Amino acid sequence: MIYQKDIEKALGVLLDGGIFLYPTDTVWGIGCDATNEKAVERIFTVKQRSEAQALLTLVNGLDMLKEYVEILPDTALQLISAGANPRPLTIIYPKAKNVASNLIANDGSIGIRIVNEPFCQKLIELFGKPIVSTSANISGEPTPATYGEISEEIKSKVDYIVGWRQDDQQPATASSIIKLLADGSIKTIR
């Protein structure tokens, strides 16, 4: 695999409780172990972001998703399997479990996306747990559409930067985000 070295190094960072920059199926992300509160706290610090603004989590498939949400509504299964979304879909589920407490919103919800990017898929498979994914920018600043748009301030504060896809100049966009409400309805966030 062309990115095997990056997988190994990123996996080492995850196992050591560190944070890293990596390409996703949307924009470049700052990531860490989604079950490690100290690593999650460090991402909030690097992004200068309030913990009241939740971060999203990536999983590699439906089986892993089921390990981190209390309730998997039929609506979510339909949306995931439909594949009708023009861009990747992040779903905010009503009740999170088995993740760092500072990833869970005040209402108990969590945003999770089943990622389709090959690097992320392989990394999550080998790690065996979900990883955090938040845009690689200071909170309130524009989201970088390519690796080259990530600020030096962000780059200097992570433990590893994945080399895979750094030369990709195709501008990326963030995922669609919907929230599943307790009454079964859907609220579009983005």
N, C-alpha and C. Protein backbone atom coordinates (compact mmCIF):
# COMPACT_ATOMS: atom_id res chain seq x y z
N MET A 1 0.82 -1.20 0.00
CA MET A 1 0.00 0.00 0.00
C MET A 1 0.86 1.25 0.00
N ILE A 2 0.43 2.21 -0.78
CA ILE A 2 1.18 3.45 -0.93
C ILE A 2 1.26 4.24 0.38
N TYR A 3 0.28 4.08 1.25
CA TYR A 3 0.23 4.88 2.48
C TYR A 3 0.51 4.04 3.73
N GLN A 4 1.11 2.87 3.57
CA GLN A 4 1.35 1.97 4.70
C GLN A 4 2.16 2.64 5.82
N LYS A 5 3.21 3.39 5.44
CA LYS A 5 4.05 4.07 6.44
C LYS A 5 3.19 5.06 7.24
N ASP A 6 2.33 5.81 6.54
CA ASP A 6 1.46 6.77 7.23
C ASP A 6 0.49 6.06 8.17
N ILE A 7 -0.04 4.92 7.74
CA ILE A 7 -0.95 4.14 8.59
C ILE A 7 -0.22 3.74 9.88
N GLU A 8 0.99 3.21 9.73
CA GLU A 8 1.76 2.76 10.90
C GLU A 8 2.06 3.91 11.85
N LYS A 9 2.47 5.05 11.31
CA LYS A 9 2.81 6.19 12.17
C LYS A 9 1.56 6.76 12.84
N ALA A 10 0.47 6.90 12.08
CA ALA A 10 -0.78 7.42 12.66
C ALA A 10 -1.30 6.47 13.73
N LEU A 11 -1.19 5.18 13.49
CA LEU A 11 -1.63 4.19 14.48
C LEU A 11 -0.80 4.34 15.76
N GLY A 12 0.50 4.54 15.62
CA GLY A 12 1.35 4.77 16.79
C GLY A 12 0.93 6.00 17.58
N VAL A 13 0.58 7.07 16.87
CA VAL A 13 0.12 8.30 17.53
C VAL A 13 -1.18 8.02 18.29
N LEU A 14 -2.11 7.32 17.66
CA LEU A 14 -3.38 6.97 18.31
C LEU A 14 -3.13 6.16 19.59
N LEU A 15 -2.28 5.17 19.48
CA LEU A 15 -2.00 4.29 20.63
C LEU A 15 -1.30 5.04 21.76
N ASP A 16 -0.53 6.10 21.41
CA ASP A 16 0.17 6.91 22.41
C ASP A 16 -0.68 8.05 22.96
N GLY A 17 -1.94 8.17 22.49
CA GLY A 17 -2.81 9.24 22.97
C GLY A 17 -2.54 10.58 22.33
N GLY A 18 -1.89 10.58 21.16
CA GLY A 18 -1.55 11.83 20.49
C GLY A 18 -2.62 12.28 19.51
N ILE A 19 -2.30 13.37 18.79
CA ILE A 19 -3.22 13.90 17.77
C ILE A 19 -2.46 14.04 16.46
N PHE A 20 -3.19 13.99 15.35
CA PHE A 20 -2.54 14.03 14.04
C PHE A 20 -3.45 14.69 13.00
N LEU A 21 -2.84 15.12 11.89
CA LEU A 21 -3.57 15.66 10.74
C LEU A 21 -3.67 14.58 9.69
N TYR A 22 -4.86 14.44 9.10
CA TYR A 22 -5.05 13.37 8.11
C TYR A 22 -6.16 13.69 7.12
N PRO A 23 -6.08 13.08 5.92
CA PRO A 23 -7.14 13.29 4.93
C PRO A 23 -8.34 12.41 5.25
N THR A 24 -9.52 12.93 5.01
CA THR A 24 -10.75 12.15 5.21
C THR A 24 -11.52 12.12 3.90
N ASP A 25 -12.73 11.64 3.93
CA ASP A 25 -13.58 11.67 2.73
C ASP A 25 -14.20 13.04 2.52
N THR A 26 -13.88 13.98 3.41
CA THR A 26 -14.31 15.37 3.27
C THR A 26 -13.04 16.22 3.35
N VAL A 27 -12.94 17.11 4.32
CA VAL A 27 -11.78 17.99 4.47
C VAL A 27 -10.70 17.31 5.32
N TRP A 28 -9.50 17.89 5.34
CA TRP A 28 -8.45 17.38 6.22
C TRP A 28 -8.91 17.53 7.66
N GLY A 29 -8.59 16.53 8.48
CA GLY A 29 -9.03 16.55 9.85
C GLY A 29 -7.91 16.51 10.86
N ILE A 30 -8.24 16.96 12.06
CA ILE A 30 -7.38 16.74 13.21
C ILE A 30 -8.03 15.55 13.93
N GLY A 31 -7.24 14.53 14.20
CA GLY A 31 -7.82 13.33 14.78
C GLY A 31 -7.11 12.84 16.01
N CYS A 32 -7.82 11.96 16.73
CA CYS A 32 -7.27 11.29 17.90
C CYS A 32 -8.19 10.12 18.22
N ASP A 33 -7.83 9.37 19.23
CA ASP A 33 -8.64 8.26 19.74
C ASP A 33 -9.92 8.86 20.34
N ALA A 34 -11.07 8.44 19.81
CA ALA A 34 -12.36 8.98 20.28
C ALA A 34 -12.75 8.49 21.67
N THR A 35 -11.94 7.60 22.25
CA THR A 35 -12.23 7.13 23.61
C THR A 35 -11.27 7.73 24.64
N ASN A 36 -10.36 8.60 24.20
CA ASN A 36 -9.33 9.16 25.07
C ASN A 36 -9.65 10.62 25.38
N GLU A 37 -10.14 10.88 26.60
CA GLU A 37 -10.56 12.24 26.98
C GLU A 37 -9.44 13.26 26.91
N LYS A 38 -8.22 12.88 27.30
CA LYS A 38 -7.10 13.84 27.27
C LYS A 38 -6.74 14.21 25.84
N ALA A 39 -6.78 13.25 24.93
CA ALA A 39 -6.48 13.53 23.52
C ALA A 39 -7.57 14.44 22.93
N VAL A 40 -8.82 14.16 23.25
CA VAL A 40 -9.93 14.99 22.77
C VAL A 40 -9.79 16.41 23.32
N GLU A 41 -9.44 16.52 24.58
CA GLU A 41 -9.25 17.84 25.21
C GLU A 41 -8.14 18.61 24.49
N ARG A 42 -7.11 17.92 24.10
CA ARG A 42 -5.99 18.56 23.40
C ARG A 42 -6.46 19.13 22.05
N ILE A 43 -7.35 18.42 21.36
CA ILE A 43 -7.87 18.94 20.08
C ILE A 43 -8.66 20.21 20.33
N PHE A 44 -9.49 20.23 21.36
CA PHE A 44 -10.23 21.46 21.68
C PHE A 44 -9.26 22.62 21.92
N THR A 45 -8.15 22.35 22.61
CA THR A 45 -7.15 23.38 22.90
C THR A 45 -6.49 23.87 21.61
N VAL A 46 -6.05 22.95 20.76
CA VAL A 46 -5.39 23.31 19.50
C VAL A 46 -6.32 24.13 18.61
N LYS A 47 -7.59 23.75 18.55
CA LYS A 47 -8.55 24.47 17.72
C LYS A 47 -9.07 25.76 18.38
N GLN A 48 -8.73 25.93 19.67
CA GLN A 48 -9.25 27.07 20.45
C GLN A 48 -10.77 27.07 20.37
N ARG A 49 -11.32 25.91 20.62
CA ARG A 49 -12.76 25.69 20.47
C ARG A 49 -13.37 25.34 21.82
N SER A 50 -14.54 25.84 22.07
CA SER A 50 -15.26 25.54 23.30
C SER A 50 -15.71 24.08 23.29
N GLU A 51 -15.62 23.44 24.45
CA GLU A 51 -16.09 22.05 24.54
C GLU A 51 -17.60 21.95 24.38
N ALA A 52 -18.29 23.10 24.40
CA ALA A 52 -19.73 23.10 24.17
C ALA A 52 -20.05 22.82 22.69
N GLN A 53 -19.05 22.99 21.81
CA GLN A 53 -19.21 22.69 20.39
C GLN A 53 -18.63 21.30 20.14
N ALA A 54 -19.49 20.32 20.04
CA ALA A 54 -19.06 18.93 19.92
C ALA A 54 -18.23 18.67 18.66
N LEU A 55 -17.40 17.65 18.74
CA LEU A 55 -16.59 17.18 17.61
C LEU A 55 -17.25 15.92 17.06
N LEU A 56 -16.99 15.62 15.79
CA LEU A 56 -17.57 14.40 15.25
C LEU A 56 -16.58 13.25 15.27
N THR A 57 -17.10 12.07 15.08
CA THR A 57 -16.34 10.83 15.17
C THR A 57 -16.51 10.03 13.89
N LEU A 58 -15.45 9.35 13.48
CA LEU A 58 -15.49 8.49 12.30
C LEU A 58 -15.43 7.02 12.72
N VAL A 59 -16.25 6.20 12.09
CA VAL A 59 -16.20 4.75 12.25
C VAL A 59 -16.04 4.14 10.87
N ASN A 60 -15.67 2.86 10.81
CA ASN A 60 -15.43 2.25 9.51
C ASN A 60 -16.58 1.38 9.00
N GLY A 61 -17.69 1.34 9.72
CA GLY A 61 -18.82 0.56 9.24
C GLY A 61 -19.93 0.48 10.27
N LEU A 62 -20.99 -0.17 9.86
CA LEU A 62 -22.19 -0.30 10.69
C LEU A 62 -21.93 -1.06 11.99
N ASP A 63 -21.11 -2.11 11.93
CA ASP A 63 -20.82 -2.89 13.14
C ASP A 63 -20.16 -2.02 14.20
N MET A 64 -19.19 -1.21 13.79
CA MET A 64 -18.52 -0.32 14.75
C MET A 64 -19.49 0.75 15.24
N LEU A 65 -20.29 1.29 14.36
CA LEU A 65 -21.27 2.31 14.75
C LEU A 65 -22.14 1.82 15.89
N LYS A 66 -22.60 0.59 15.81
CA LYS A 66 -23.49 0.03 16.82
C LYS A 66 -22.85 -0.02 18.20
N GLU A 67 -21.52 -0.03 18.27
CA GLU A 67 -20.81 -0.07 19.55
C GLU A 67 -20.77 1.29 20.26
N TYR A 68 -21.13 2.36 19.54
CA TYR A 68 -20.95 3.70 20.09
C TYR A 68 -22.23 4.53 20.17
N VAL A 69 -23.36 3.94 19.81
CA VAL A 69 -24.65 4.61 19.98
C VAL A 69 -25.62 3.66 20.68
N GLU A 70 -26.39 4.21 21.62
CA GLU A 70 -27.37 3.40 22.36
C GLU A 70 -28.52 2.97 21.46
N ILE A 71 -28.94 3.90 20.60
CA ILE A 71 -30.10 3.68 19.75
C ILE A 71 -29.69 3.91 18.31
N LEU A 72 -29.98 2.94 17.46
CA LEU A 72 -29.73 3.08 16.02
C LEU A 72 -31.07 3.04 15.32
N PRO A 73 -31.71 4.21 15.17
CA PRO A 73 -33.05 4.26 14.59
C PRO A 73 -33.09 3.73 13.15
N ASP A 74 -34.22 3.19 12.76
CA ASP A 74 -34.41 2.70 11.40
C ASP A 74 -34.15 3.81 10.39
N THR A 75 -34.50 5.03 10.76
CA THR A 75 -34.27 6.18 9.87
C THR A 75 -32.79 6.29 9.51
N ALA A 76 -31.92 6.10 10.51
CA ALA A 76 -30.48 6.18 10.27
C ALA A 76 -30.04 5.07 9.33
N LEU A 77 -30.52 3.87 9.55
CA LEU A 77 -30.16 2.75 8.69
C LEU A 77 -30.59 3.00 7.25
N GLN A 78 -31.76 3.58 7.08
CA GLN A 78 -32.25 3.90 5.73
C GLN A 78 -31.37 4.96 5.08
N LEU A 79 -31.00 5.98 5.83
CA LEU A 79 -30.16 7.05 5.28
C LEU A 79 -28.77 6.53 4.92
N ILE A 80 -28.22 5.67 5.77
CA ILE A 80 -26.89 5.12 5.51
C ILE A 80 -26.91 4.21 4.28
N SER A 81 -27.91 3.35 4.20
CA SER A 81 -27.95 2.39 3.10
C SER A 81 -28.43 3.00 1.79
N ALA A 82 -29.15 4.10 1.87
CA ALA A 82 -29.69 4.72 0.65
C ALA A 82 -28.59 5.24 -0.26
N GLY A 83 -27.55 5.79 0.34
CA GLY A 83 -26.46 6.34 -0.45
C GLY A 83 -26.90 7.46 -1.38
N ALA A 84 -28.00 8.09 -1.05
CA ALA A 84 -28.56 9.11 -1.93
C ALA A 84 -27.96 10.49 -1.69
N ASN A 85 -27.13 10.62 -0.68
CA ASN A 85 -26.57 11.93 -0.37
C ASN A 85 -25.47 12.29 -1.36
N PRO A 86 -25.47 13.53 -1.85
CA PRO A 86 -24.45 13.94 -2.81
C PRO A 86 -23.05 14.06 -2.17
N ARG A 87 -23.01 14.18 -0.86
CA ARG A 87 -21.71 14.23 -0.17
C ARG A 87 -21.80 13.38 1.08
N PRO A 88 -20.65 13.07 1.70
CA PRO A 88 -20.67 12.24 2.91
C PRO A 88 -21.63 12.79 3.97
N LEU A 89 -22.23 11.86 4.73
CA LEU A 89 -23.27 12.22 5.69
C LEU A 89 -22.85 11.92 7.12
N THR A 90 -22.86 12.96 7.95
CA THR A 90 -22.66 12.81 9.39
C THR A 90 -24.04 12.83 10.03
N ILE A 91 -24.29 11.84 10.88
CA ILE A 91 -25.58 11.77 11.57
C ILE A 91 -25.33 11.99 13.06
N ILE A 92 -26.14 12.86 13.65
CA ILE A 92 -26.07 13.07 15.09
C ILE A 92 -27.10 12.14 15.72
N TYR A 93 -26.58 11.18 16.48
CA TYR A 93 -27.42 10.17 17.13
C TYR A 93 -27.80 10.63 18.53
N PRO A 94 -28.99 10.23 19.02
CA PRO A 94 -29.48 10.74 20.30
C PRO A 94 -28.69 10.31 21.54
N LYS A 95 -28.12 9.12 21.57
CA LYS A 95 -27.46 8.67 22.80
C LYS A 95 -26.14 7.98 22.48
N ALA A 96 -25.05 8.63 22.92
CA ALA A 96 -23.71 8.10 22.70
C ALA A 96 -23.33 7.14 23.82
N LYS A 97 -22.41 6.23 23.52
CA LYS A 97 -21.85 5.35 24.55
C LYS A 97 -20.43 4.97 24.15
N ASN A 98 -19.63 4.61 25.14
CA ASN A 98 -18.28 4.07 24.95
C ASN A 98 -17.28 5.03 24.30
N VAL A 99 -17.54 6.34 24.37
CA VAL A 99 -16.60 7.33 23.85
C VAL A 99 -16.19 8.27 24.98
N ALA A 100 -15.18 9.08 24.71
CA ALA A 100 -14.75 10.08 25.70
C ALA A 100 -15.93 10.98 26.04
N SER A 101 -16.10 11.28 27.31
CA SER A 101 -17.25 12.08 27.74
C SER A 101 -17.25 13.47 27.12
N ASN A 102 -16.07 14.02 26.81
CA ASN A 102 -16.02 15.36 26.22
C ASN A 102 -16.31 15.36 24.71
N LEU A 103 -16.66 14.21 24.16
CA LEU A 103 -17.14 14.12 22.78
C LEU A 103 -18.66 14.15 22.73
N ILE A 104 -19.28 13.92 23.87
CA ILE A 104 -20.73 13.82 23.94
C ILE A 104 -21.33 15.20 24.21
N ALA A 105 -22.30 15.59 23.39
CA ALA A 105 -22.95 16.89 23.55
C ALA A 105 -23.76 16.91 24.85
N ASN A 106 -24.12 18.09 25.29
CA ASN A 106 -24.88 18.26 26.54
C ASN A 106 -26.18 17.45 26.56
N ASP A 107 -26.77 17.24 25.38
CA ASP A 107 -28.02 16.48 25.32
C ASP A 107 -27.78 14.96 25.17
N GLY A 108 -26.52 14.53 25.27
CA GLY A 108 -26.19 13.11 25.20
C GLY A 108 -25.94 12.59 23.79
N SER A 109 -26.04 13.47 22.81
CA SER A 109 -25.89 13.05 21.42
C SER A 109 -24.43 13.04 20.96
N ILE A 110 -24.22 12.43 19.81
CA ILE A 110 -22.89 12.38 19.19
C ILE A 110 -23.03 12.35 17.68
N GLY A 111 -22.14 13.06 17.00
CA GLY A 111 -22.10 13.05 15.54
C GLY A 111 -21.12 12.00 15.06
N ILE A 112 -21.61 11.09 14.23
CA ILE A 112 -20.76 10.00 13.71
C ILE A 112 -20.97 9.86 12.21
N ARG A 113 -19.86 9.62 11.50
CA ARG A 113 -19.93 9.34 10.06
C ARG A 113 -19.22 8.04 9.77
N ILE A 114 -19.84 7.22 8.95
CA ILE A 114 -19.16 6.03 8.42
C ILE A 114 -18.32 6.54 7.26
N VAL A 115 -17.01 6.46 7.42
CA VAL A 115 -16.09 7.06 6.47
C VAL A 115 -15.80 6.09 5.32
N ASN A 116 -15.61 6.63 4.12
CA ASN A 116 -15.34 5.80 2.96
C ASN A 116 -13.95 6.00 2.38
N GLU A 117 -13.16 6.91 2.93
CA GLU A 117 -11.82 7.17 2.44
C GLU A 117 -10.93 5.98 2.79
N PRO A 118 -10.13 5.44 1.84
CA PRO A 118 -9.37 4.21 2.10
C PRO A 118 -8.36 4.31 3.25
N PHE A 119 -7.67 5.45 3.38
CA PHE A 119 -6.72 5.62 4.48
C PHE A 119 -7.45 5.51 5.82
N CYS A 120 -8.55 6.26 5.95
CA CYS A 120 -9.31 6.26 7.21
C CYS A 120 -9.88 4.88 7.50
N GLN A 121 -10.43 4.24 6.49
CA GLN A 121 -11.00 2.90 6.67
C GLN A 121 -9.95 1.95 7.25
N LYS A 122 -8.77 1.93 6.66
CA LYS A 122 -7.71 1.01 7.09
C LYS A 122 -7.22 1.36 8.49
N LEU A 123 -7.01 2.66 8.74
CA LEU A 123 -6.52 3.09 10.05
C LEU A 123 -7.50 2.69 11.15
N ILE A 124 -8.78 2.95 10.94
CA ILE A 124 -9.79 2.62 11.94
C ILE A 124 -9.89 1.10 12.13
N GLU A 125 -9.80 0.37 11.03
CA GLU A 125 -9.84 -1.09 11.12
C GLU A 125 -8.70 -1.62 12.00
N LEU A 126 -7.50 -1.13 11.77
CA LEU A 126 -6.34 -1.58 12.55
C LEU A 126 -6.40 -1.11 13.99
N PHE A 127 -6.89 0.11 14.21
CA PHE A 127 -6.99 0.67 15.56
C PHE A 127 -8.09 -0.01 16.36
N GLY A 128 -9.16 -0.37 15.68
CA GLY A 128 -10.26 -1.08 16.34
C GLY A 128 -11.22 -0.20 17.12
N LYS A 129 -11.05 1.11 16.99
CA LYS A 129 -11.92 2.07 17.67
C LYS A 129 -12.14 3.26 16.76
N PRO A 130 -13.17 4.07 17.05
CA PRO A 130 -13.40 5.26 16.23
C PRO A 130 -12.34 6.32 16.48
N ILE A 131 -12.22 7.23 15.52
CA ILE A 131 -11.31 8.36 15.68
C ILE A 131 -12.08 9.68 15.51
N VAL A 132 -11.59 10.69 16.20
CA VAL A 132 -12.18 12.02 16.10
C VAL A 132 -11.81 12.61 14.74
N SER A 133 -12.71 13.39 14.20
CA SER A 133 -12.43 14.13 12.97
C SER A 133 -13.06 15.50 13.09
N THR A 134 -12.22 16.51 13.10
CA THR A 134 -12.69 17.89 13.10
C THR A 134 -11.82 18.66 12.13
N SER A 135 -12.38 19.62 11.47
CA SER A 135 -11.64 20.36 10.45
C SER A 135 -10.34 20.94 11.01
N ALA A 136 -9.32 20.96 10.17
CA ALA A 136 -7.97 21.36 10.58
C ALA A 136 -7.81 22.88 10.54
N ASN A 137 -8.53 23.56 11.40
CA ASN A 137 -8.46 25.02 11.48
C ASN A 137 -8.73 25.48 12.91
N ILE A 138 -8.33 26.73 13.17
CA ILE A 138 -8.67 27.36 14.43
C ILE A 138 -10.17 27.66 14.37
N SER A 139 -10.87 27.43 15.45
CA SER A 139 -12.32 27.65 15.49
C SER A 139 -12.66 29.07 15.04
N GLY A 140 -13.63 29.16 14.13
CA GLY A 140 -14.06 30.45 13.62
C GLY A 140 -13.37 30.87 12.34
N GLU A 141 -12.23 30.25 12.02
CA GLU A 141 -11.54 30.55 10.77
C GLU A 141 -12.07 29.66 9.66
N PRO A 142 -11.85 30.04 8.39
CA PRO A 142 -12.35 29.23 7.27
C PRO A 142 -11.78 27.81 7.30
N THR A 143 -12.62 26.86 6.90
CA THR A 143 -12.20 25.47 6.82
C THR A 143 -11.30 25.31 5.60
N PRO A 144 -10.08 24.77 5.79
CA PRO A 144 -9.20 24.58 4.64
C PRO A 144 -9.75 23.53 3.67
N ALA A 145 -9.77 23.87 2.37
CA ALA A 145 -10.30 22.96 1.35
C ALA A 145 -9.24 21.99 0.84
N THR A 146 -7.95 22.32 1.07
CA THR A 146 -6.84 21.44 0.69
C THR A 146 -5.81 21.44 1.81
N TYR A 147 -4.89 20.50 1.75
CA TYR A 147 -3.83 20.45 2.77
C TYR A 147 -3.04 21.76 2.81
N GLY A 148 -2.75 22.33 1.64
CA GLY A 148 -1.96 23.55 1.56
C GLY A 148 -2.58 24.75 2.26
N GLU A 149 -3.88 24.69 2.53
CA GLU A 149 -4.56 25.80 3.20
C GLU A 149 -4.55 25.68 4.73
N ILE A 150 -4.00 24.59 5.25
CA ILE A 150 -3.93 24.41 6.71
C ILE A 150 -2.85 25.33 7.27
N SER A 151 -3.17 26.06 8.31
CA SER A 151 -2.22 27.02 8.88
C SER A 151 -1.03 26.32 9.54
N GLU A 152 0.10 27.04 9.55
CA GLU A 152 1.30 26.53 10.22
C GLU A 152 1.05 26.38 11.72
N GLU A 153 0.19 27.22 12.27
CA GLU A 153 -0.14 27.14 13.70
C GLU A 153 -0.73 25.77 14.02
N ILE A 154 -1.65 25.30 13.19
CA ILE A 154 -2.25 23.98 13.40
C ILE A 154 -1.20 22.89 13.19
N LYS A 155 -0.46 22.98 12.08
CA LYS A 155 0.53 21.95 11.75
C LYS A 155 1.56 21.78 12.87
N SER A 156 1.95 22.90 13.50
CA SER A 156 2.99 22.85 14.53
C SER A 156 2.53 22.23 15.84
N LYS A 157 1.21 22.04 16.01
CA LYS A 157 0.69 21.57 17.30
C LYS A 157 0.24 20.11 17.30
N VAL A 158 0.43 19.41 16.20
CA VAL A 158 0.04 18.00 16.14
C VAL A 158 1.29 17.12 16.24
N ASP A 159 1.08 15.85 16.56
CA ASP A 159 2.20 14.93 16.72
C ASP A 159 2.65 14.28 15.42
N TYR A 160 1.77 14.27 14.42
CA TYR A 160 2.12 13.67 13.14
C TYR A 160 1.21 14.24 12.06
N ILE A 161 1.78 14.42 10.86
CA ILE A 161 1.01 14.85 9.70
C ILE A 161 1.13 13.76 8.64
N VAL A 162 0.00 13.21 8.25
CA VAL A 162 -0.03 12.15 7.24
C VAL A 162 0.42 12.74 5.90
N GLY A 163 1.27 12.02 5.21
CA GLY A 163 1.76 12.45 3.90
C GLY A 163 0.78 12.15 2.78
N TRP A 164 -0.01 11.08 2.95
CA TRP A 164 -0.96 10.62 1.95
C TRP A 164 -1.92 11.76 1.56
N ARG A 165 -2.02 12.04 0.29
CA ARG A 165 -2.94 13.00 -0.32
C ARG A 165 -2.61 14.48 -0.02
N GLN A 166 -1.42 14.76 0.46
CA GLN A 166 -1.07 16.18 0.67
C GLN A 166 -1.04 16.95 -0.64
N ASP A 167 -0.72 16.28 -1.75
CA ASP A 167 -0.63 16.95 -3.05
C ASP A 167 -1.99 17.07 -3.75
N ASP A 168 -3.02 16.49 -3.18
CA ASP A 168 -4.35 16.53 -3.79
C ASP A 168 -4.86 17.97 -3.78
N GLN A 169 -5.09 18.52 -4.95
CA GLN A 169 -5.54 19.90 -5.06
C GLN A 169 -7.05 20.03 -5.29
N GLN A 170 -7.74 18.90 -5.31
CA GLN A 170 -9.20 18.92 -5.46
C GLN A 170 -9.81 19.51 -4.19
N PRO A 171 -10.44 20.69 -4.27
CA PRO A 171 -11.01 21.29 -3.05
C PRO A 171 -12.07 20.37 -2.43
N ALA A 172 -11.95 20.16 -1.14
CA ALA A 172 -12.89 19.30 -0.42
C ALA A 172 -13.97 20.14 0.24
N THR A 173 -15.10 19.50 0.51
CA THR A 173 -16.17 20.18 1.24
C THR A 173 -16.53 19.35 2.46
N ALA A 174 -17.08 20.01 3.44
CA ALA A 174 -17.49 19.33 4.67
C ALA A 174 -18.68 18.42 4.40
N SER A 175 -18.94 17.53 5.32
CA SER A 175 -20.06 16.60 5.18
C SER A 175 -21.40 17.30 5.41
N SER A 176 -22.45 16.66 4.94
CA SER A 176 -23.80 17.06 5.33
C SER A 176 -23.98 16.59 6.77
N ILE A 177 -24.74 17.31 7.56
CA ILE A 177 -25.00 16.90 8.95
C ILE A 177 -26.50 16.95 9.20
N ILE A 178 -27.02 15.84 9.70
CA ILE A 178 -28.42 15.80 10.13
C ILE A 178 -28.48 15.30 11.56
N LYS A 179 -29.52 15.70 12.26
CA LYS A 179 -29.71 15.26 13.64
C LYS A 179 -31.00 14.46 13.72
N LEU A 180 -30.91 13.27 14.31
CA LEU A 180 -32.09 12.44 14.54
C LEU A 180 -32.69 12.85 15.88
N LEU A 181 -33.93 13.31 15.85
CA LEU A 181 -34.59 13.77 17.07
C LEU A 181 -35.35 12.63 17.75
N ALA A 182 -35.61 12.80 19.03
CA ALA A 182 -36.27 11.75 19.83
C ALA A 182 -37.62 11.32 19.27
N ASP A 183 -38.32 12.24 18.60
CA ASP A 183 -39.63 11.90 18.05
C ASP A 183 -39.54 11.20 16.69
N GLY A 184 -38.32 10.92 16.24
CA GLY A 184 -38.14 10.22 14.97
C GLY A 184 -37.95 11.13 13.78
N SER A 185 -38.11 12.45 13.99
CA SER A 185 -37.95 13.38 12.89
C SER A 185 -36.46 13.70 12.68
N ILE A 186 -36.19 14.36 11.57
CA ILE A 186 -34.81 14.70 11.19
C ILE A 186 -34.69 16.21 11.11
N LYS A 187 -33.59 16.73 11.65
CA LYS A 187 -33.30 18.16 11.55
C LYS A 187 -32.01 18.32 10.75
N THR A 188 -32.04 19.10 9.69
CA THR A 188 -30.84 19.34 8.89
C THR A 188 -30.01 20.42 9.57
N ILE A 189 -28.76 20.10 9.83
CA ILE A 189 -27.84 21.04 10.48
C ILE A 189 -26.99 21.76 9.42
N ARG A 190 -26.49 20.95 8.45
CA ARG A 190 -25.64 21.54 7.38
C ARG A 190 -25.84 20.73 6.12
